[in-house]
Structures are given as C-alpha cells and as structure tokens.
Amino acid sequence: MPATAELNLITHCASMNTLLDRFFHYSAHGSTLKTEVIAGLSTFAAMAYIICIQPALFSGQMTGTATGMPFAPLLTTTCLASAFGTLLMGVLANYPVGLAPGMGTNFFILFSVMGACATVTGGSMGDPVVWQTAMGVVLISGICFLITSFTSLRRLILNSLSPSLKFAIVTGIGLFIAMLGLKNGGIIDVENGQWTLKTAVNDAPSLIFFSGIIVITTLHHFKVKGSILIGILFQR
C-alpha cells in the first residue's frame, strides 16, 4: 500500500511538472521546475525588504515625520500589490520577474507629490486630506500609465530617456538599497547628520552581515545553486 501511494505521488508530481512546463516553457530555456522554484524563493528573499521599507517610509517612521498613513494597512497593501503584480507578470507575460513598489517612485511621492498636495489643499503633513489627495494623484497616474501601456506611447516615452539616465536610475536605487544594508548591518552610521564608517564592527549586526557575505560568496564561487537563498537563511 505505501508503495502504491508513493507511486501515485510520483505520477501526480510528474503530471504537475508537465502541466507547468507546457504553460511556462521553462524546459525549452534549459531550466527545470526545481531550478525555477529555487530562483523564485531567492527572488522573494532578495526583494522582501520592501515589505517593511514601504510601510515605514509612507507612514513616516523612516523619516521621523508622521504622514497620517497607518503602518499596518500599508504593509497589507504592499504585500497584496506585489503579489498581484508578480502573478500577472508570470501568468500574462510569462516572464520570471517579481514586481513590487519602486523605491525611486516612493521617495518622489513622499517628498514631492505630498508636498505639492499640502500646498494645494492648504494642509500640513499628517493631515488626512494631504495623503488622501496624494493617493488620488497616484491612482490617476496609474490609470494613465495603464492606458499608455496598450499603445506605442509608453515605448516612445521610454525610448526618449537617455541611456545614461536609465543607468543612473537603476544605480541610484541600487546604492540606496546597499546603504540600507550597510546601515542595518552596522557598517556605517549617522553621526552629526553625516554618514560615517564605523571603526568597530564586532557587534552582532556586523558579524551577521559579514558571515552572510562570506557564505554567499563562497557558495557562488563553487557554483552552488541557490547560494543567495542559502546565505540569507544562514543569517537567520
């Protein structure tokens, strides 16, 4: 009986693998279901920081200025929006990319859009009318972006950006994320309003930071699949 159950399980897994491969065509790209699952988990672990960063930024906890938006609902909407966007990217576009709120856009909304909304409405940061107006602007811009996505206008706008500006945007976001990692890892700190390199890195956050870097680098050197995911789990 156990052998029959095991055989049925193997047959079911093989059928599921065939069904998924027929839809996503990963074997045609030289990949396997196991590789795709590991890659998906690694991607999630690498981008999961947005779950905390997004609510902390928009609620004002990160900047020290209350915006009036509560942390808990922001966390929920961040998870739902990221999951929905990633699902659409996989099911509709069949493209292995995770989607989440962009950090560059977040700061633009917080410091530029909300500031402009405060001026227009006559309110101040923290008033409900300010952040509600700002979210209304985001909704309208999202609808406009959706409409342009069905036309050639979106591609024309993207092509109008210079390559240096495109690289600068990606580099700036990468440097910001690296700065957060170094700050939380105890490598750099803020003293008198200036970023400084810490002279002692023997505390717990620093040791965890360096141990993770060493593990990931070593595993990547020996071409171990899932090296980043293993390194992140090692730090836990």
C-alpha atoms as a PDB file:
ATOM      1  CA  MET A   1       0.000   0.000   0.000  1.00  0.00           C
ATOM      2  CA  PRO A   2       2.738   2.535   0.822  1.00  0.00           C
ATOM      3  CA  ALA A   3       4.457   1.702  -2.471  1.00  0.00           C
ATOM      4  CA  THR A   4       1.223   2.398  -4.356  1.00  0.00           C
ATOM      5  CA  ALA A   5       0.764   5.719  -2.564  1.00  0.00           C
ATOM      6  CA  GLU A   6       4.342   6.688  -3.352  1.00  0.00           C
ATOM      7  CA  LEU A   7       3.863   5.751  -6.996  1.00  0.00           C
ATOM      8  CA  ASN A   8       0.691   7.827  -7.177  1.00  0.00           C
ATOM      9  CA  LEU A   9       2.540  10.786  -5.645  1.00  0.00           C
ATOM     10  CA  ILE A  10       5.364  10.483  -8.181  1.00  0.00           C
ATOM     11  CA  THR A  11       2.856  10.249 -11.035  1.00  0.00           C
ATOM     12  CA  HIS A  12       0.973  13.287  -9.736  1.00  0.00           C
ATOM     13  CA  CYS A  13       4.190  15.330  -9.446  1.00  0.00           C
ATOM     14  CA  ALA A  14       5.244  14.316 -12.952  1.00  0.00           C
ATOM     15  CA  SER A  15       1.860  15.357 -14.326  1.00  0.00           C
ATOM     16  CA  MET A  16       2.053  18.684 -12.499  1.00  0.00           C
ATOM     17  CA  ASN A  17       5.569  19.246 -13.834  1.00  0.00           C
ATOM     18  CA  THR A  18       4.369  18.522 -17.375  1.00  0.00           C
ATOM     19  CA  LEU A  19       1.401  20.859 -16.990  1.00  0.00           C
ATOM     20  CA  LEU A  20       3.536  23.726 -15.648  1.00  0.00           C
ATOM     21  CA  ASP A  21       6.178  23.185 -18.306  1.00  0.00           C
ATOM     22  CA  ARG A  22       3.509  23.255 -21.005  1.00  0.00           C
ATOM     23  CA  PHE A  23       2.366  26.650 -19.731  1.00  0.00           C
ATOM     24  CA  PHE A  24       5.675  28.337 -18.785  1.00  0.00           C
ATOM     25  CA  HIS A  25       8.016  26.515 -21.239  1.00  0.00           C
ATOM     26  CA  TYR A  26      10.943  26.504 -18.801  1.00  0.00           C
ATOM     27  CA  SER A  27      12.453  23.290 -20.199  1.00  0.00           C
ATOM     28  CA  ALA A  28      12.747  24.992 -23.585  1.00  0.00           C
ATOM     29  CA  HIS A  29      15.056  27.515 -21.887  1.00  0.00           C
ATOM     30  CA  GLY A  30      17.185  24.763 -20.346  1.00  0.00           C
ATOM     31  CA  SER A  31      15.655  25.080 -16.878  1.00  0.00           C
ATOM     32  CA  THR A  32      13.791  22.729 -14.547  1.00  0.00           C
ATOM     33  CA  LEU A  33      10.961  23.068 -12.062  1.00  0.00           C
ATOM     34  CA  LYS A  34      13.419  22.710  -9.176  1.00  0.00           C
ATOM     35  CA  THR A  35      15.613  25.486 -10.547  1.00  0.00           C
ATOM     36  CA  GLU A  36      12.624  27.784 -11.053  1.00  0.00           C
ATOM     37  CA  VAL A  37      11.366  27.177  -7.504  1.00  0.00           C
ATOM     38  CA  ILE A  38      14.793  27.940  -6.019  1.00  0.00           C
ATOM     39  CA  ALA A  39      15.087  31.040  -8.209  1.00  0.00           C
ATOM     40  CA  GLY A  40      11.637  32.188  -7.119  1.00  0.00           C
ATOM     41  CA  LEU A  41      12.432  31.756  -3.441  1.00  0.00           C
ATOM     42  CA  SER A  42      15.750  33.578  -3.912  1.00  0.00           C
ATOM     43  CA  THR A  43      13.984  36.444  -5.677  1.00  0.00           C
ATOM     44  CA  PHE A  44      11.413  36.702  -2.902  1.00  0.00           C
ATOM     45  CA  ALA A  45      14.103  36.698  -0.199  1.00  0.00           C
ATOM     46  CA  ALA A  46      16.046  39.399  -2.048  1.00  0.00           C
ATOM     47  CA  MET A  47      13.057  41.713  -2.529  1.00  0.00           C
ATOM     48  CA  ALA A  48      11.222  41.010   0.745  1.00  0.00           C
ATOM     49  CA  TYR A  49      12.796  44.128   2.276  1.00  0.00           C
ATOM     50  CA  ILE A  50      10.050  46.157   0.591  1.00  0.00           C
ATOM     51  CA  ILE A  51       7.510  44.599   2.976  1.00  0.00           C
ATOM     52  CA  CYS A  52       8.997  46.642   5.827  1.00  0.00           C
ATOM     53  CA  ILE A  53      10.593  49.552   3.971  1.00  0.00           C
ATOM     54  CA  GLN A  54       7.448  50.640   2.105  1.00  0.00           C
ATOM     55  CA  PRO A  55       5.197  50.944   5.209  1.00  0.00           C
ATOM     56  CA  ALA A  56       7.995  52.514   7.258  1.00  0.00           C
ATOM     57  CA  LEU A  57       8.584  55.122   4.557  1.00  0.00           C
ATOM     58  CA  PHE A  58       4.982  56.105   3.849  1.00  0.00           C
ATOM     59  CA  SER A  59       3.918  56.045   7.496  1.00  0.00           C
ATOM     60  CA  GLY A  60       6.791  58.407   8.334  1.00  0.00           C
ATOM     61  CA  GLN A  61       8.602  56.035  10.692  1.00  0.00           C
ATOM     62  CA  MET A  62      11.702  56.073   8.496  1.00  0.00           C
ATOM     63  CA  THR A  63      11.854  59.845   8.064  1.00  0.00           C
ATOM     64  CA  GLY A  64      10.580  60.806  11.525  1.00  0.00           C
ATOM     65  CA  THR A  65       7.720  62.851  10.065  1.00  0.00           C
ATOM     66  CA  ALA A  66       4.227  61.422  10.502  1.00  0.00           C
ATOM     67  CA  THR A  67       2.241  61.299   7.267  1.00  0.00           C
ATOM     68  CA  GLY A  68      -1.068  60.141   8.748  1.00  0.00           C
ATOM     69  CA  MET A  69      -0.960  56.797   6.947  1.00  0.00           C
ATOM     70  CA  PRO A  70      -1.036  53.822   9.383  1.00  0.00           C
ATOM     71  CA  PHE A  71       1.731  51.224   9.190  1.00  0.00           C
ATOM     72  CA  ALA A  72      -0.408  48.039   9.271  1.00  0.00           C
ATOM     73  CA  PRO A  73      -2.675  48.816   6.273  1.00  0.00           C
ATOM     74  CA  LEU A  74       0.373  49.961   4.308  1.00  0.00           C
ATOM     75  CA  LEU A  75       2.066  46.626   4.983  1.00  0.00           C
ATOM     76  CA  THR A  76      -1.015  44.719   3.829  1.00  0.00           C
ATOM     77  CA  THR A  77      -1.438  46.723   0.628  1.00  0.00           C
ATOM     78  CA  THR A  78       2.284  46.377  -0.146  1.00  0.00           C
ATOM     79  CA  CYS A  79       2.045  42.580   0.071  1.00  0.00           C
ATOM     80  CA  LEU A  80      -1.174  42.415  -1.955  1.00  0.00           C
ATOM     81  CA  ALA A  81       0.042  44.781  -4.686  1.00  0.00           C
ATOM     82  CA  SER A  82       3.376  42.963  -5.012  1.00  0.00           C
ATOM     83  CA  ALA A  83       1.748  39.528  -5.112  1.00  0.00           C
ATOM     84  CA  PHE A  84      -0.858  40.615  -7.674  1.00  0.00           C
ATOM     85  CA  GLY A  85       1.695  42.322  -9.912  1.00  0.00           C
ATOM     86  CA  THR A  86       4.078  39.369  -9.796  1.00  0.00           C
ATOM     87  CA  LEU A  87       1.219  36.962 -10.554  1.00  0.00           C
ATOM     88  CA  LEU A  88       0.222  38.983 -13.612  1.00  0.00           C
ATOM     89  CA  MET A  89       3.839  39.119 -14.766  1.00  0.00           C
ATOM     90  CA  GLY A  90       4.101  35.339 -14.594  1.00  0.00           C
ATOM     91  CA  VAL A  91       0.663  34.359 -15.917  1.00  0.00           C
ATOM     92  CA  LEU A  92       0.173  37.014 -18.611  1.00  0.00           C
ATOM     93  CA  ALA A  93       3.722  37.908 -19.673  1.00  0.00           C
ATOM     94  CA  ASN A  94       5.311  34.533 -18.793  1.00  0.00           C
ATOM     95  CA  TYR A  95       8.329  36.469 -17.565  1.00  0.00           C
ATOM     96  CA  PRO A  96      10.218  35.466 -14.388  1.00  0.00           C
ATOM     97  CA  VAL A  97      10.329  38.881 -12.741  1.00  0.00           C
ATOM     98  CA  GLY A  98       8.991  39.893  -9.341  1.00  0.00           C
ATOM     99  CA  LEU A  99       7.164  43.208  -9.098  1.00  0.00           C
ATOM    100  CA  ALA A 100       6.984  45.477  -6.069  1.00  0.00           C
ATOM    101  CA  PRO A 101       6.666  49.220  -5.348  1.00  0.00           C
ATOM    102  CA  GLY A 102       9.658  51.131  -6.719  1.00  0.00           C
ATOM    103  CA  MET A 103      11.811  52.961  -4.177  1.00  0.00           C
ATOM    104  CA  GLY A 104      12.569  55.856  -6.500  1.00  0.00           C
ATOM    105  CA  THR A 105       8.872  56.484  -7.074  1.00  0.00           C
ATOM    106  CA  ASN A 106       8.170  56.145  -3.346  1.00  0.00           C
ATOM    107  CA  PHE A 107      10.537  58.969  -2.445  1.00  0.00           C
ATOM    108  CA  PHE A 108       9.194  61.129  -5.275  1.00  0.00           C
ATOM    109  CA  ILE A 109       5.653  60.700  -3.960  1.00  0.00           C
ATOM    110  CA  LEU A 110       6.624  61.293  -0.339  1.00  0.00           C
ATOM    111  CA  PHE A 111       8.780  64.369  -0.791  1.00  0.00           C
ATOM    112  CA  SER A 112       7.419  65.932  -3.988  1.00  0.00           C
ATOM    113  CA  VAL A 113       3.830  64.861  -4.597  1.00  0.00           C
ATOM    114  CA  MET A 114       2.708  65.019  -0.974  1.00  0.00           C
ATOM    115  CA  GLY A 115       4.452  68.360  -0.556  1.00  0.00           C
ATOM    116  CA  ALA A 116       2.609  69.727  -3.578  1.00  0.00           C
ATOM    117  CA  CYS A 117      -0.684  68.292  -2.294  1.00  0.00           C
ATOM    118  CA  ALA A 118      -0.108  70.004   1.052  1.00  0.00           C
ATOM    119  CA  THR A 119       0.362  73.329  -0.747  1.00  0.00           C
ATOM    120  CA  VAL A 120      -2.717  72.889  -2.931  1.00  0.00           C
ATOM    121  CA  THR A 121      -5.025  71.744  -0.133  1.00  0.00           C
ATOM    122  CA  GLY A 122      -3.638  74.175   2.435  1.00  0.00           C
ATOM    123  CA  GLY A 123      -2.986  71.315   4.849  1.00  0.00           C
ATOM    124  CA  SER A 124       0.176  70.113   6.506  1.00  0.00           C
ATOM    125  CA  MET A 125       1.984  66.795   6.506  1.00  0.00           C
ATOM    126  CA  GLY A 126      -0.013  64.385   8.627  1.00  0.00           C
ATOM    127  CA  ASP A 127      -3.429  65.762   7.715  1.00  0.00           C
ATOM    128  CA  PRO A 128      -5.695  63.137   6.101  1.00  0.00           C
ATOM    129  CA  VAL A 129      -6.556  65.456   3.214  1.00  0.00           C
ATOM    130  CA  VAL A 130      -2.880  65.601   2.183  1.00  0.00           C
ATOM    131  CA  TRP A 131      -2.115  61.906   1.884  1.00  0.00           C
ATOM    132  CA  GLN A 132      -5.582  61.134   0.516  1.00  0.00           C
ATOM    133  CA  THR A 133      -5.086  63.711  -2.250  1.00  0.00           C
ATOM    134  CA  ALA A 134      -1.636  62.290  -2.961  1.00  0.00           C
ATOM    135  CA  MET A 135      -3.021  58.756  -3.248  1.00  0.00           C
ATOM    136  CA  GLY A 136      -5.693  60.110  -5.593  1.00  0.00           C
ATOM    137  CA  VAL A 137      -2.943  61.529  -7.795  1.00  0.00           C
ATOM    138  CA  VAL A 138      -1.206  58.133  -7.740  1.00  0.00           C
ATOM    139  CA  LEU A 139      -4.446  56.420  -8.766  1.00  0.00           C
ATOM    140  CA  ILE A 140      -4.980  58.781 -11.697  1.00  0.00           C
ATOM    141  CA  SER A 141      -1.371  58.413 -12.827  1.00  0.00           C
ATOM    142  CA  GLY A 142      -1.717  54.620 -12.612  1.00  0.00           C
ATOM    143  CA  ILE A 143      -4.793  54.713 -14.842  1.00  0.00           C
ATOM    144  CA  CYS A 144      -2.942  56.922 -17.333  1.00  0.00           C
ATOM    145  CA  PHE A 145       0.037  54.565 -17.278  1.00  0.00           C
ATOM    146  CA  LEU A 146      -2.269  51.587 -17.860  1.00  0.00           C
ATOM    147  CA  ILE A 147      -3.843  53.290 -20.860  1.00  0.00           C
ATOM    148  CA  THR A 148      -0.472  54.174 -22.397  1.00  0.00           C
ATOM    149  CA  SER A 149       0.682  50.572 -21.895  1.00  0.00           C
ATOM    150  CA  PHE A 150      -1.817  49.474 -24.559  1.00  0.00           C
ATOM    151  CA  THR A 151      -0.390  51.945 -27.063  1.00  0.00           C
ATOM    152  CA  SER A 152       3.022  52.719 -28.528  1.00  0.00           C
ATOM    153  CA  LEU A 153       3.210  55.911 -26.436  1.00  0.00           C
ATOM    154  CA  ARG A 154       4.778  54.098 -23.484  1.00  0.00           C
ATOM    155  CA  ARG A 155       7.617  52.752 -25.624  1.00  0.00           C
ATOM    156  CA  LEU A 156       8.159  56.185 -27.159  1.00  0.00           C
ATOM    157  CA  ILE A 157       8.425  57.742 -23.683  1.00  0.00           C
ATOM    158  CA  LEU A 158      10.897  55.109 -22.532  1.00  0.00           C
ATOM    159  CA  ASN A 159      12.989  55.464 -25.674  1.00  0.00           C
ATOM    160  CA  SER A 160      13.101  59.235 -25.160  1.00  0.00           C
ATOM    161  CA  LEU A 161      15.123  58.724 -21.965  1.00  0.00           C
ATOM    162  CA  SER A 162      18.864  58.780 -22.475  1.00  0.00           C
ATOM    163  CA  PRO A 163      20.792  55.568 -21.671  1.00  0.00           C
ATOM    164  CA  SER A 164      22.796  57.431 -19.025  1.00  0.00           C
ATOM    165  CA  LEU A 165      19.591  58.461 -17.220  1.00  0.00           C
ATOM    166  CA  LYS A 166      18.285  54.871 -17.299  1.00  0.00           C
ATOM    167  CA  PHE A 167      21.557  53.576 -15.855  1.00  0.00           C
ATOM    168  CA  ALA A 168      21.586  56.365 -13.260  1.00  0.00           C
ATOM    169  CA  ILE A 169      18.094  55.459 -12.022  1.00  0.00           C
ATOM    170  CA  VAL A 170      18.998  51.794 -11.581  1.00  0.00           C
ATOM    171  CA  THR A 171      22.350  52.659  -9.993  1.00  0.00           C
ATOM    172  CA  GLY A 172      20.782  55.159  -7.595  1.00  0.00           C
ATOM    173  CA  ILE A 173      18.212  52.659  -6.373  1.00  0.00           C
ATOM    174  CA  GLY A 174      20.918  50.014  -6.003  1.00  0.00           C
ATOM    175  CA  LEU A 175      23.103  52.369  -3.976  1.00  0.00           C
ATOM    176  CA  PHE A 176      20.162  53.263  -1.746  1.00  0.00           C
ATOM    177  CA  ILE A 177      19.421  49.596  -1.027  1.00  0.00           C
ATOM    178  CA  ALA A 178      23.127  48.985  -0.395  1.00  0.00           C
ATOM    179  CA  MET A 179      23.157  51.923   2.017  1.00  0.00           C
ATOM    180  CA  LEU A 180      20.236  50.420   3.949  1.00  0.00           C
ATOM    181  CA  GLY A 181      22.040  47.095   4.132  1.00  0.00           C
ATOM    182  CA  LEU A 182      25.252  48.696   5.388  1.00  0.00           C
ATOM    183  CA  LYS A 183      23.296  50.755   7.919  1.00  0.00           C
ATOM    184  CA  ASN A 184      21.329  47.802   9.286  1.00  0.00           C
ATOM    185  CA  GLY A 185      24.471  45.674   9.159  1.00  0.00           C
ATOM    186  CA  GLY A 186      26.268  48.070  11.471  1.00  0.00           C
ATOM    187  CA  ILE A 187      28.932  49.003   8.907  1.00  0.00           C
ATOM    188  CA  ILE A 188      28.003  52.675   8.561  1.00  0.00           C
ATOM    189  CA  ASP A 189      26.188  55.014  10.929  1.00  0.00           C
ATOM    190  CA  VAL A 190      24.907  58.570  11.133  1.00  0.00           C
ATOM    191  CA  GLU A 191      26.846  60.974  13.347  1.00  0.00           C
ATOM    192  CA  ASN A 192      26.040  64.679  13.469  1.00  0.00           C
ATOM    193  CA  GLY A 193      23.909  64.329  10.372  1.00  0.00           C
ATOM    194  CA  GLN A 194      26.723  62.734   8.347  1.00  0.00           C
ATOM    195  CA  TRP A 195      27.232  59.162   7.181  1.00  0.00           C
ATOM    196  CA  THR A 196      30.373  57.716   8.768  1.00  0.00           C
ATOM    197  CA  LEU A 197      32.176  54.382   8.608  1.00  0.00           C
ATOM    198  CA  LYS A 198      32.156  52.632  11.971  1.00  0.00           C
ATOM    199  CA  THR A 199      35.573  51.871  13.406  1.00  0.00           C
ATOM    200  CA  ALA A 200      34.420  48.730  15.251  1.00  0.00           C
ATOM    201  CA  VAL A 201      32.465  46.006  13.503  1.00  0.00           C
ATOM    202  CA  ASN A 202      32.430  43.367  16.225  1.00  0.00           C
ATOM    203  CA  ASP A 203      28.796  43.760  17.239  1.00  0.00           C
ATOM    204  CA  ALA A 204      26.053  41.252  16.359  1.00  0.00           C
ATOM    205  CA  PRO A 205      24.643  43.015  13.236  1.00  0.00           C
ATOM    206  CA  SER A 206      28.124  43.385  11.735  1.00  0.00           C
ATOM    207  CA  LEU A 207      29.057  39.762  12.383  1.00  0.00           C
ATOM    208  CA  ILE A 208      25.797  38.573  10.836  1.00  0.00           C
ATOM    209  CA  PHE A 209      26.396  40.861   7.839  1.00  0.00           C
ATOM    210  CA  PHE A 210      29.921  39.584   7.139  1.00  0.00           C
ATOM    211  CA  SER A 211      29.028  35.946   7.763  1.00  0.00           C
ATOM    212  CA  GLY A 212      26.247  36.171   5.186  1.00  0.00           C
ATOM    213  CA  ILE A 213      28.550  37.822   2.638  1.00  0.00           C
ATOM    214  CA  ILE A 214      31.212  35.138   3.146  1.00  0.00           C
ATOM    215  CA  VAL A 215      28.723  32.271   2.842  1.00  0.00           C
ATOM    216  CA  ILE A 216      27.067  33.664  -0.296  1.00  0.00           C
ATOM    217  CA  THR A 217      30.419  34.476  -1.959  1.00  0.00           C
ATOM    218  CA  THR A 218      31.846  31.042  -1.169  1.00  0.00           C
ATOM    219  CA  LEU A 219      28.792  29.168  -2.418  1.00  0.00           C
ATOM    220  CA  HIS A 220      28.601  31.332  -5.537  1.00  0.00           C
ATOM    221  CA  HIS A 221      32.293  30.637  -6.259  1.00  0.00           C
ATOM    222  CA  PHE A 222      31.662  26.900  -6.167  1.00  0.00           C
ATOM    223  CA  LYS A 223      28.534  27.383  -8.329  1.00  0.00           C
ATOM    224  CA  VAL A 224      26.122  26.072  -5.715  1.00  0.00           C
ATOM    225  CA  LYS A 225      22.534  26.579  -6.840  1.00  0.00           C
ATOM    226  CA  GLY A 226      20.537  28.825  -4.531  1.00  0.00           C
ATOM    227  CA  SER A 227      23.670  30.372  -2.989  1.00  0.00           C
ATOM    228  CA  ILE A 228      21.931  33.660  -2.218  1.00  0.00           C
ATOM    229  CA  LEU A 229      18.928  31.926  -0.657  1.00  0.00           C
ATOM    230  CA  ILE A 230      21.163  29.663   1.426  1.00  0.00           C
ATOM    231  CA  GLY A 231      23.177  32.681   2.594  1.00  0.00           C
ATOM    232  CA  ILE A 232      20.034  34.546   3.630  1.00  0.00           C
ATOM    233  CA  LEU A 233      18.733  31.501   5.514  1.00  0.00           C
ATOM    234  CA  PHE A 234      22.145  31.108   7.166  1.00  0.00           C
ATOM    235  CA  GLN A 235      21.840  34.607   8.599  1.00  0.00           C
ATOM    236  CA  ARG A 236      18.555  33.669  10.197  1.00  0.00           C
END
